[in-house]
C-alpha atoms as a PDB file:
ATOM      1  CA  MET A   1      13.534  41.348 -44.987  1.00  0.00           C
ATOM      2  CA  ILE A   2      13.427  44.363 -46.902  1.00  0.00           C
ATOM      3  CA  ALA A   3      15.708  46.701 -46.672  1.00  0.00           C
ATOM      4  CA  ALA A   4      13.538  50.166 -45.679  1.00  0.00           C
ATOM      5  CA  ARG A   5      13.975  53.148 -44.583  1.00  0.00           C
ATOM      6  CA  THR A   6      11.462  54.974 -42.513  1.00  0.00           C
ATOM      7  CA  ALA A   7       9.968  58.277 -42.271  1.00  0.00           C
ATOM      8  CA  ARG A   8       8.709  59.734 -39.086  1.00  0.00           C
ATOM      9  CA  CYS A   9       6.355  62.233 -38.263  1.00  0.00           C
ATOM     10  CA  GLU A  10       2.600  63.351 -37.045  1.00  0.00           C
ATOM     11  CA  GLY A  11      -0.739  64.250 -38.397  1.00  0.00           C
ATOM     12  CA  CYS A  12      -3.816  65.336 -37.279  1.00  0.00           C
ATOM     13  CA  ILE A  13      -7.467  64.338 -38.380  1.00  0.00           C
ATOM     14  CA  VAL A  14     -10.604  65.893 -37.244  1.00  0.00           C
ATOM     15  CA  GLY A  15     -13.016  63.467 -34.781  1.00  0.00           C
ATOM     16  CA  VAL A  16     -16.510  63.216 -34.452  1.00  0.00           C
ATOM     17  CA  GLY A  17     -17.853  66.606 -32.488  1.00  0.00           C
ATOM     18  CA  GLY A  18     -14.870  68.121 -33.007  1.00  0.00           C
ATOM     19  CA  LEU A  19     -11.868  67.060 -31.479  1.00  0.00           C
ATOM     20  CA  ARG A  20      -8.757  67.345 -32.997  1.00  0.00           C
ATOM     21  CA  LEU A  21      -7.584  63.683 -32.980  1.00  0.00           C
ATOM     22  CA  ARG A  22      -3.472  63.681 -33.500  1.00  0.00           C
ATOM     23  CA  TYR A  23      -1.836  60.233 -34.816  1.00  0.00           C
ATOM     24  CA  ARG A  24       2.407  59.293 -35.043  1.00  0.00           C
ATOM     25  CA  THR A  25       3.129  57.332 -38.519  1.00  0.00           C
ATOM     26  CA  TRP A  26       6.736  55.318 -39.668  1.00  0.00           C
ATOM     27  CA  GLU A  27       6.393  55.538 -43.329  1.00  0.00           C
ATOM     28  CA  ALA A  28       8.034  52.862 -45.096  1.00  0.00           C
ATOM     29  CA  THR A  29      10.092  54.191 -48.453  1.00  0.00           C
ATOM     30  CA  ALA A  30       8.599  51.422 -50.569  1.00  0.00           C
ATOM     31  CA  PRO A  31       5.882  50.355 -48.312  1.00  0.00           C
ATOM     32  CA  ARG A  32       3.899  46.966 -49.466  1.00  0.00           C
ATOM     33  CA  ALA A  33       1.133  46.921 -46.386  1.00  0.00           C
ATOM     34  CA  ALA A  34      -0.121  49.683 -43.972  1.00  0.00           C
ATOM     35  CA  MET A  35      -0.675  49.201 -40.492  1.00  0.00           C
ATOM     36  CA  LEU A  36      -3.181  51.018 -38.212  1.00  0.00           C
ATOM     37  CA  ILE A  37      -2.479  51.112 -34.574  1.00  0.00           C
ATOM     38  CA  VAL A  38      -5.130  51.517 -31.784  1.00  0.00           C
ATOM     39  CA  HIS A  39      -3.615  51.358 -28.260  1.00  0.00           C
ATOM     40  CA  GLY A  40      -5.294  50.509 -25.100  1.00  0.00           C
ATOM     41  CA  LEU A  41      -6.601  52.772 -22.041  1.00  0.00           C
ATOM     42  CA  GLY A  42      -5.043  55.186 -20.629  1.00  0.00           C
ATOM     43  CA  GLU A  43      -1.800  55.162 -22.846  1.00  0.00           C
ATOM     44  CA  HIS A  44      -1.388  56.433 -26.369  1.00  0.00           C
ATOM     45  CA  GLY A  45       0.672  55.510 -29.540  1.00  0.00           C
ATOM     46  CA  GLY A  46       4.167  56.125 -29.171  1.00  0.00           C
ATOM     47  CA  ARG A  47       4.243  53.456 -26.837  1.00  0.00           C
ATOM     48  CA  TYR A  48       4.302  50.975 -30.181  1.00  0.00           C
ATOM     49  CA  ALA A  49       7.705  52.995 -31.535  1.00  0.00           C
ATOM     50  CA  GLY A  50       9.682  49.431 -31.382  1.00  0.00           C
ATOM     51  CA  LEU A  51       6.752  47.507 -33.084  1.00  0.00           C
ATOM     52  CA  ALA A  52       6.086  50.077 -35.886  1.00  0.00           C
ATOM     53  CA  SER A  53      10.424  50.166 -36.684  1.00  0.00           C
ATOM     54  CA  ALA A  54      10.121  46.259 -36.435  1.00  0.00           C
ATOM     55  CA  LEU A  55       7.042  46.259 -39.727  1.00  0.00           C
ATOM     56  CA  THR A  56       8.588  49.282 -41.160  1.00  0.00           C
ATOM     57  CA  ALA A  57      11.539  47.297 -41.806  1.00  0.00           C
ATOM     58  CA  SER A  58       9.317  44.439 -43.001  1.00  0.00           C
ATOM     59  CA  GLY A  59       8.061  46.947 -45.795  1.00  0.00           C
ATOM     60  CA  VAL A  60       4.868  47.612 -43.882  1.00  0.00           C
ATOM     61  CA  SER A  61       4.015  51.701 -42.905  1.00  0.00           C
ATOM     62  CA  CYS A  62       2.808  52.405 -39.166  1.00  0.00           C
ATOM     63  CA  TYR A  63       0.378  54.872 -38.323  1.00  0.00           C
ATOM     64  CA  ALA A  64      -0.775  54.612 -34.491  1.00  0.00           C
ATOM     65  CA  LEU A  65      -3.794  57.312 -33.578  1.00  0.00           C
ATOM     66  CA  ASP A  66      -4.037  59.008 -30.050  1.00  0.00           C
ATOM     67  CA  LEU A  67      -7.208  57.939 -29.219  1.00  0.00           C
ATOM     68  CA  ARG A  68      -9.953  60.882 -28.009  1.00  0.00           C
ATOM     69  CA  GLY A  69      -9.205  61.547 -24.178  1.00  0.00           C
ATOM     70  CA  HIS A  70      -5.497  60.475 -24.637  1.00  0.00           C
ATOM     71  CA  GLY A  71      -2.019  61.076 -25.214  1.00  0.00           C
ATOM     72  CA  THR A  72      -1.451  64.046 -27.365  1.00  0.00           C
ATOM     73  CA  SER A  73      -5.525  64.470 -28.487  1.00  0.00           C
ATOM     74  CA  GLU A  74      -8.126  66.470 -27.291  1.00  0.00           C
ATOM     75  CA  GLY A  75     -10.869  65.013 -25.250  1.00  0.00           C
ATOM     76  CA  ARG A  76     -11.444  64.565 -21.216  1.00  0.00           C
ATOM     77  CA  ARG A  77      -8.807  61.968 -20.437  1.00  0.00           C
ATOM     78  CA  GLY A  78     -10.321  58.715 -19.891  1.00  0.00           C
ATOM     79  CA  HIS A  79     -13.488  58.995 -21.086  1.00  0.00           C
ATOM     80  CA  SER A  80     -15.855  59.275 -24.688  1.00  0.00           C
ATOM     81  CA  ALA A  81     -19.631  60.461 -24.055  1.00  0.00           C
ATOM     82  CA  GLU A  82     -20.140  56.692 -26.852  1.00  0.00           C
ATOM     83  CA  PHE A  83     -18.292  54.485 -27.228  1.00  0.00           C
ATOM     84  CA  ASP A  84     -19.244  54.411 -30.993  1.00  0.00           C
ATOM     85  CA  CYS A  85     -17.275  57.621 -31.141  1.00  0.00           C
ATOM     86  CA  PHE A  86     -13.805  55.466 -31.236  1.00  0.00           C
ATOM     87  CA  LEU A  87     -15.233  53.645 -34.010  1.00  0.00           C
ATOM     88  CA  GLN A  88     -16.328  56.846 -35.796  1.00  0.00           C
ATOM     89  CA  ASP A  89     -12.811  58.144 -35.395  1.00  0.00           C
ATOM     90  CA  LEU A  90     -10.894  54.971 -36.155  1.00  0.00           C
ATOM     91  CA  ASP A  91     -13.064  54.929 -39.851  1.00  0.00           C
ATOM     92  CA  ARG A  92     -12.000  59.305 -40.467  1.00  0.00           C
ATOM     93  CA  PHE A  93      -8.306  57.599 -39.298  1.00  0.00           C
ATOM     94  CA  ARG A  94      -8.399  54.922 -41.617  1.00  0.00           C
ATOM     95  CA  ARG A  95      -9.561  57.157 -45.125  1.00  0.00           C
ATOM     96  CA  GLU A  96      -7.150  59.677 -43.609  1.00  0.00           C
ATOM     97  CA  VAL A  97      -4.533  56.570 -44.298  1.00  0.00           C
ATOM     98  CA  ASP A  98      -5.998  55.374 -47.151  1.00  0.00           C
ATOM     99  CA  GLY A  99      -5.278  58.828 -48.995  1.00  0.00           C
ATOM    100  CA  LEU A 100      -1.095  58.824 -47.898  1.00  0.00           C
ATOM    101  CA  ASN A 101      -1.143  55.523 -49.521  1.00  0.00           C
ATOM    102  CA  ASP A 102      -1.291  53.936 -52.727  1.00  0.00           C
ATOM    103  CA  PRO A 103      -4.454  52.916 -52.959  1.00  0.00           C
ATOM    104  CA  GLU A 104      -4.138  49.161 -53.911  1.00  0.00           C
ATOM    105  CA  ILE A 105      -1.728  48.309 -50.683  1.00  0.00           C
ATOM    106  CA  PRO A 106      -3.514  45.949 -48.227  1.00  0.00           C
ATOM    107  CA  LEU A 107      -4.876  47.727 -44.829  1.00  0.00           C
ATOM    108  CA  PHE A 108      -4.185  45.875 -41.653  1.00  0.00           C
ATOM    109  CA  LEU A 109      -5.700  47.066 -38.557  1.00  0.00           C
ATOM    110  CA  LEU A 110      -3.705  46.234 -34.731  1.00  0.00           C
ATOM    111  CA  GLY A 111      -5.581  46.609 -31.429  1.00  0.00           C
ATOM    112  CA  HIS A 112      -4.187  46.177 -27.863  1.00  0.00           C
ATOM    113  CA  SER A 113      -6.116  45.757 -25.080  1.00  0.00           C
ATOM    114  CA  MET A 114      -9.159  48.244 -25.501  1.00  0.00           C
ATOM    115  CA  GLY A 115      -7.840  49.129 -28.519  1.00  0.00           C
ATOM    116  CA  GLY A 116      -8.350  45.302 -29.697  1.00  0.00           C
ATOM    117  CA  LEU A 117     -12.236  45.866 -28.519  1.00  0.00           C
ATOM    118  CA  ILE A 118     -12.481  48.841 -30.652  1.00  0.00           C
ATOM    119  CA  VAL A 119     -11.191  46.851 -33.504  1.00  0.00           C
ATOM    120  CA  LEU A 120     -13.430  44.410 -33.190  1.00  0.00           C
ATOM    121  CA  ARG A 121     -16.148  46.521 -32.991  1.00  0.00           C
ATOM    122  CA  TYR A 122     -15.450  48.540 -36.167  1.00  0.00           C
ATOM    123  CA  LEU A 123     -15.398  45.089 -38.094  1.00  0.00           C
ATOM    124  CA  GLU A 124     -18.278  44.299 -37.043  1.00  0.00           C
ATOM    125  CA  GLU A 125     -19.796  47.541 -37.842  1.00  0.00           C
ATOM    126  CA  TYR A 126     -17.927  48.927 -40.747  1.00  0.00           C
ATOM    127  CA  ASP A 127     -17.276  47.506 -44.345  1.00  0.00           C
ATOM    128  CA  ALA A 128     -13.799  48.711 -44.956  1.00  0.00           C
ATOM    129  CA  ARG A 129     -11.303  47.808 -47.431  1.00  0.00           C
ATOM    130  CA  LEU A 130      -9.205  45.629 -44.778  1.00  0.00           C
ATOM    131  CA  SER A 131      -6.679  42.526 -45.564  1.00  0.00           C
ATOM    132  CA  GLY A 132      -7.078  41.530 -41.721  1.00  0.00           C
ATOM    133  CA  ALA A 133      -6.621  42.480 -37.827  1.00  0.00           C
ATOM    134  CA  VAL A 134      -4.365  41.574 -35.283  1.00  0.00           C
ATOM    135  CA  LEU A 135      -5.853  41.642 -31.760  1.00  0.00           C
ATOM    136  CA  MET A 136      -3.660  41.624 -28.812  1.00  0.00           C
ATOM    137  CA  SER A 137      -5.208  41.212 -25.233  1.00  0.00           C
ATOM    138  CA  PRO A 138      -7.916  42.018 -26.456  1.00  0.00           C
ATOM    139  CA  TRP A 139      -9.976  43.622 -23.410  1.00  0.00           C
ATOM    140  CA  LEU A 140     -13.135  41.119 -23.451  1.00  0.00           C
ATOM    141  CA  ALA A 141     -13.776  40.788 -19.695  1.00  0.00           C
ATOM    142  CA  THR A 142     -11.577  41.976 -16.748  1.00  0.00           C
ATOM    143  CA  ALA A 143      -9.151  39.361 -15.174  1.00  0.00           C
ATOM    144  CA  LEU A 144     -10.919  39.601 -11.988  1.00  0.00           C
ATOM    145  CA  PRO A 145     -14.668  40.208 -11.667  1.00  0.00           C
ATOM    146  CA  VAL A 146     -15.731  44.120 -10.599  1.00  0.00           C
ATOM    147  CA  ALA A 147     -17.773  44.222  -7.519  1.00  0.00           C
ATOM    148  CA  LYS A 148     -21.317  44.193  -8.166  1.00  0.00           C
ATOM    149  CA  TRP A 149     -21.784  48.128  -6.112  1.00  0.00           C
ATOM    150  CA  LYS A 150     -19.068  49.485  -8.908  1.00  0.00           C
ATOM    151  CA  VAL A 151     -21.341  47.738 -11.490  1.00  0.00           C
ATOM    152  CA  THR A 152     -24.265  49.546 -10.142  1.00  0.00           C
ATOM    153  CA  LEU A 153     -22.651  53.293  -9.211  1.00  0.00           C
ATOM    154  CA  ALA A 154     -20.874  53.234 -12.970  1.00  0.00           C
ATOM    155  CA  GLY A 155     -24.707  53.179 -14.505  1.00  0.00           C
ATOM    156  CA  THR A 156     -25.905  55.290 -11.937  1.00  0.00           C
ATOM    157  CA  LEU A 157     -23.337  58.006 -12.782  1.00  0.00           C
ATOM    158  CA  GLY A 158     -23.319  57.172 -16.187  1.00  0.00           C
ATOM    159  CA  HIS A 159     -26.595  59.144 -16.320  1.00  0.00           C
ATOM    160  CA  VAL A 160     -25.969  61.861 -14.092  1.00  0.00           C
ATOM    161  CA  LEU A 161     -22.280  62.395 -13.784  1.00  0.00           C
ATOM    162  CA  PRO A 162     -20.727  60.794 -16.702  1.00  0.00           C
ATOM    163  CA  ALA A 163     -17.806  62.552 -17.124  1.00  0.00           C
ATOM    164  CA  LEU A 164     -16.631  62.019 -13.506  1.00  0.00           C
ATOM    165  CA  PRO A 165     -13.026  60.408 -13.689  1.00  0.00           C
ATOM    166  CA  PHE A 166     -12.222  57.714 -11.252  1.00  0.00           C
ATOM    167  CA  SER A 167      -9.395  55.499 -11.134  1.00  0.00           C
ATOM    168  CA  THR A 168      -8.488  52.330 -13.496  1.00  0.00           C
ATOM    169  CA  GLY A 169      -6.912  50.695 -10.361  1.00  0.00           C
ATOM    170  CA  ILE A 170      -4.308  49.360 -13.210  1.00  0.00           C
ATOM    171  CA  ARG A 171      -0.777  48.723 -11.552  1.00  0.00           C
ATOM    172  CA  PRO A 172       2.219  49.106 -13.685  1.00  0.00           C
ATOM    173  CA  GLU A 173       3.957  46.304 -12.158  1.00  0.00           C
ATOM    174  CA  ALA A 174       1.193  43.729 -13.286  1.00  0.00           C
ATOM    175  CA  LEU A 175       1.590  44.877 -17.601  1.00  0.00           C
ATOM    176  CA  SER A 176       4.810  43.645 -17.851  1.00  0.00           C
ATOM    177  CA  ARG A 177       7.714  41.300 -16.333  1.00  0.00           C
ATOM    178  CA  ASP A 178      10.517  43.652 -17.610  1.00  0.00           C
ATOM    179  CA  PRO A 179      11.491  46.666 -15.241  1.00  0.00           C
ATOM    180  CA  ALA A 180      12.418  48.793 -17.789  1.00  0.00           C
ATOM    181  CA  ALA A 181       8.952  48.586 -19.236  1.00  0.00           C
ATOM    182  CA  VAL A 182       7.001  49.132 -15.708  1.00  0.00           C
ATOM    183  CA  ARG A 183       9.460  52.070 -14.984  1.00  0.00           C
ATOM    184  CA  ALA A 184       8.997  53.963 -18.546  1.00  0.00           C
ATOM    185  CA  TYR A 185       5.106  53.064 -18.237  1.00  0.00           C
ATOM    186  CA  ARG A 186       5.357  55.265 -15.004  1.00  0.00           C
ATOM    187  CA  GLU A 187       7.721  57.860 -15.911  1.00  0.00           C
ATOM    188  CA  ASP A 188       5.865  58.560 -18.952  1.00  0.00           C
ATOM    189  CA  PRO A 189       3.716  61.791 -18.845  1.00  0.00           C
ATOM    190  CA  LEU A 190       0.856  61.071 -21.633  1.00  0.00           C
ATOM    191  CA  VAL A 191       0.215  57.610 -19.600  1.00  0.00           C
ATOM    192  CA  HIS A 192      -3.282  58.053 -17.219  1.00  0.00           C
ATOM    193  CA  THR A 193      -4.985  55.800 -15.453  1.00  0.00           C
ATOM    194  CA  ARG A 194      -8.610  57.851 -15.636  1.00  0.00           C
ATOM    195  CA  ILE A 195     -11.625  56.078 -16.745  1.00  0.00           C
ATOM    196  CA  THR A 196     -15.035  57.717 -16.472  1.00  0.00           C
ATOM    197  CA  PRO A 197     -18.393  56.068 -15.798  1.00  0.00           C
ATOM    198  CA  ARG A 198     -19.696  56.305 -19.071  1.00  0.00           C
ATOM    199  CA  LEU A 199     -16.777  54.721 -21.025  1.00  0.00           C
ATOM    200  CA  PHE A 200     -17.116  51.969 -18.524  1.00  0.00           C
ATOM    201  CA  THR A 201     -20.303  51.221 -18.832  1.00  0.00           C
ATOM    202  CA  GLY A 202     -19.793  51.995 -23.119  1.00  0.00           C
ATOM    203  CA  THR A 203     -17.229  49.817 -22.882  1.00  0.00           C
ATOM    204  CA  ALA A 204     -19.906  47.142 -20.993  1.00  0.00           C
ATOM    205  CA  GLU A 205     -21.820  47.511 -23.376  1.00  0.00           C
ATOM    206  CA  ALA A 206     -19.354  46.997 -26.240  1.00  0.00           C
ATOM    207  CA  MET A 207     -17.954  43.742 -24.948  1.00  0.00           C
ATOM    208  CA  GLY A 208     -21.540  42.242 -25.133  1.00  0.00           C
ATOM    209  CA  LEU A 209     -21.891  43.455 -28.799  1.00  0.00           C
ATOM    210  CA  VAL A 210     -19.039  41.829 -29.653  1.00  0.00           C
ATOM    211  CA  LEU A 211     -19.873  38.119 -28.269  1.00  0.00           C
ATOM    212  CA  ARG A 212     -23.011  38.583 -30.544  1.00  0.00           C
ATOM    213  CA  ARG A 213     -22.187  39.909 -33.721  1.00  0.00           C
ATOM    214  CA  GLY A 214     -18.810  37.914 -33.999  1.00  0.00           C
ATOM    215  CA  ASP A 215     -20.568  36.213 -37.236  1.00  0.00           C
ATOM    216  CA  ARG A 216     -20.227  40.124 -38.951  1.00  0.00           C
ATOM    217  CA  ILE A 217     -16.474  39.782 -39.013  1.00  0.00           C
ATOM    218  CA  GLY A 218     -15.394  38.594 -42.688  1.00  0.00           C
ATOM    219  CA  VAL A 219     -11.344  38.888 -42.315  1.00  0.00           C
ATOM    220  CA  PRO A 220      -8.191  37.022 -41.133  1.00  0.00           C
ATOM    221  CA  LEU A 221      -7.529  37.316 -37.184  1.00  0.00           C
ATOM    222  CA  LEU A 222      -4.390  36.970 -35.496  1.00  0.00           C
ATOM    223  CA  VAL A 223      -5.778  36.582 -31.968  1.00  0.00           C
ATOM    224  CA  LEU A 224      -2.604  37.022 -29.000  1.00  0.00           C
ATOM    225  CA  LEU A 225      -2.939  35.909 -26.310  1.00  0.00           C
ATOM    226  CA  ALA A 226      -0.991  36.233 -22.882  1.00  0.00           C
ATOM    227  CA  GLY A 227      -0.853  33.179 -20.843  1.00  0.00           C
ATOM    228  CA  ASP A 228      -0.609  35.523 -17.272  1.00  0.00           C
ATOM    229  CA  ASP A 229      -2.391  38.317 -18.058  1.00  0.00           C
ATOM    230  CA  ARG A 230      -3.386  39.845 -14.900  1.00  0.00           C
ATOM    231  CA  ILE A 231      -5.488  42.956 -17.014  1.00  0.00           C
ATOM    232  CA  THR A 232      -7.752  41.403 -18.522  1.00  0.00           C
ATOM    233  CA  ASP A 233      -9.773  37.545 -19.125  1.00  0.00           C
ATOM    234  CA  ALA A 234      -8.006  35.691 -22.026  1.00  0.00           C
ATOM    235  CA  GLU A 235     -10.150  32.913 -21.712  1.00  0.00           C
ATOM    236  CA  ARG A 236     -13.234  35.249 -23.249  1.00  0.00           C
ATOM    237  CA  GLY A 237     -10.534  35.786 -26.400  1.00  0.00           C
ATOM    238  CA  ALA A 238     -10.600  32.189 -26.733  1.00  0.00           C
ATOM    239  CA  ALA A 239     -14.448  32.038 -26.545  1.00  0.00           C
ATOM    240  CA  LEU A 240     -14.528  34.928 -29.382  1.00  0.00           C
ATOM    241  CA  VAL A 241     -12.459  32.311 -31.365  1.00  0.00           C
ATOM    242  CA  ARG A 242     -13.937  29.589 -30.981  1.00  0.00           C
ATOM    243  CA  ALA A 243     -17.618  31.078 -32.392  1.00  0.00           C
ATOM    244  CA  LEU A 244     -15.489  32.272 -35.612  1.00  0.00           C
ATOM    245  CA  PRO A 245     -14.477  30.015 -38.400  1.00  0.00           C
ATOM    246  CA  ALA A 246     -11.576  28.304 -37.821  1.00  0.00           C
ATOM    247  CA  ASP A 247     -10.129  28.982 -41.139  1.00  0.00           C
ATOM    248  CA  ARG A 248     -10.407  32.807 -40.586  1.00  0.00           C
ATOM    249  CA  VAL A 249      -8.704  33.008 -36.986  1.00  0.00           C
ATOM    250  CA  GLU A 250      -5.108  32.204 -35.873  1.00  0.00           C
ATOM    251  CA  VAL A 251      -4.601  32.097 -32.590  1.00  0.00           C
ATOM    252  CA  ARG A 252      -1.146  32.138 -30.616  1.00  0.00           C
ATOM    253  CA  SER A 253      -0.852  32.111 -26.296  1.00  0.00           C
ATOM    254  CA  TYR A 254       2.105  33.096 -24.413  1.00  0.00           C
ATOM    255  CA  PRO A 255       2.636  31.114 -21.428  1.00  0.00           C
ATOM    256  CA  GLY A 256       3.928  33.348 -18.644  1.00  0.00           C
ATOM    257  CA  CYS A 257       3.979  36.850 -20.727  1.00  0.00           C
ATOM    258  CA  TYR A 258       1.452  39.161 -18.868  1.00  0.00           C
ATOM    259  CA  HIS A 259      -1.038  42.116 -20.407  1.00  0.00           C
ATOM    260  CA  GLU A 260       1.194  44.241 -22.602  1.00  0.00           C
ATOM    261  CA  LEU A 261       3.059  41.474 -25.052  1.00  0.00           C
ATOM    262  CA  ILE A 262       5.288  43.820 -27.158  1.00  0.00           C
ATOM    263  CA  ASN A 263       6.587  45.362 -23.821  1.00  0.00           C
ATOM    264  CA  ASP A 264       6.800  41.955 -21.754  1.00  0.00           C
ATOM    265  CA  ILE A 265      10.174  40.137 -21.653  1.00  0.00           C
ATOM    266  CA  ASP A 266       9.261  37.783 -24.661  1.00  0.00           C
ATOM    267  CA  ARG A 267       8.788  41.110 -27.049  1.00  0.00           C
ATOM    268  CA  ASP A 268      11.121  39.507 -29.850  1.00  0.00           C
ATOM    269  CA  VAL A 269       8.430  36.412 -30.168  1.00  0.00           C
ATOM    270  CA  VAL A 270       5.374  38.050 -30.134  1.00  0.00           C
ATOM    271  CA  ILE A 271       6.837  41.097 -32.971  1.00  0.00           C
ATOM    272  CA  ALA A 272       8.088  38.064 -35.082  1.00  0.00           C
ATOM    273  CA  ASP A 273       5.067  36.726 -35.053  1.00  0.00           C
ATOM    274  CA  VAL A 274       3.162  39.347 -36.165  1.00  0.00           C
ATOM    275  CA  ARG A 275       5.649  40.224 -38.755  1.00  0.00           C
ATOM    276  CA  GLY A 276       5.364  36.364 -40.462  1.00  0.00           C
ATOM    277  CA  TRP A 277       1.108  37.006 -39.790  1.00  0.00           C
ATOM    278  CA  ILE A 278       1.308  40.143 -42.288  1.00  0.00           C
ATOM    279  CA  ALA A 279       4.470  38.107 -44.984  1.00  0.00           C
ATOM    280  CA  ALA A 280       2.055  35.394 -45.272  1.00  0.00           C
ATOM    281  CA  ARG A 281      -0.242  37.430 -46.593  1.00  0.00           C
ATOM    282  CA  LEU A 282       1.749  39.265 -48.746  1.00  0.00           C
ATOM    283  CA  SER A 283       3.855  36.418 -49.841  1.00  0.00           C
ATOM    284  CA  ASP A 284       1.614  36.822 -53.660  1.00  0.00           C
ATOM    285  CA  ARG A 285       2.303  40.205 -54.116  1.00  0.00           C
ATOM    286  CA  PRO A 286       5.738  41.318 -55.412  1.00  0.00           C
ATOM    287  CA  THR A 287       8.937  42.592 -53.318  1.00  0.00           C
ATOM    288  CA  ALA A 288       9.796  45.931 -53.771  1.00  0.00           C
END
């Protein structure tokens, strides 16, 4: 392991429509790679501090953006007028991170849940300089079927009241088996449980596109699936993996784990797997 000191700071970019989007950084003093972290629905980048600390110890600088309508960023909570705004914001963030680092070091993406969906759609639509991506419990379908009337209502409201907030229905105890992690989620003032009709329909459209356009993804993927995911449908994640070239994708499943893999009781195993996968892609580069 590389002994690396970490510089912790924050920054801001201007997203689509002029929204100010804030991000956190954990920078290694001699980085061998950089990782952009994209969080899930209702949370924020600050919840990835443990993962970021572990990665910076291996010489991987980490940068976590608070998505529009989340965390410390501007925007109506749980809302985006178009799902593609997330992709455009992510591309602006990538360019920001590129400017903070040596242009020669490898750049990776990591997306959890809705962040995984955003990362997949980004890889399908943008030809960016990337060395790979990690997907944790990607949101490609919900664990339980959504009632048809809710889908119909969301579609209607998406046209007449697109930004009307309603509850996601996420139960904190379904995210992790660790009581301390559940309590921290409940008490986090930056966490919210809102989604708007427009974002609801936008994510559904994005899910459909992911499965149809997977052949556009040209970088290595590490797909991490929770064995007892009560939020997203892990089988849809497995279906995506089966549709991609076998030599480009590695999938790992963690029996018994809940949705938030890096906050569950087996988090050390998951984080070690992420570090190992990145290290394997840096093995042909000189150590600092």
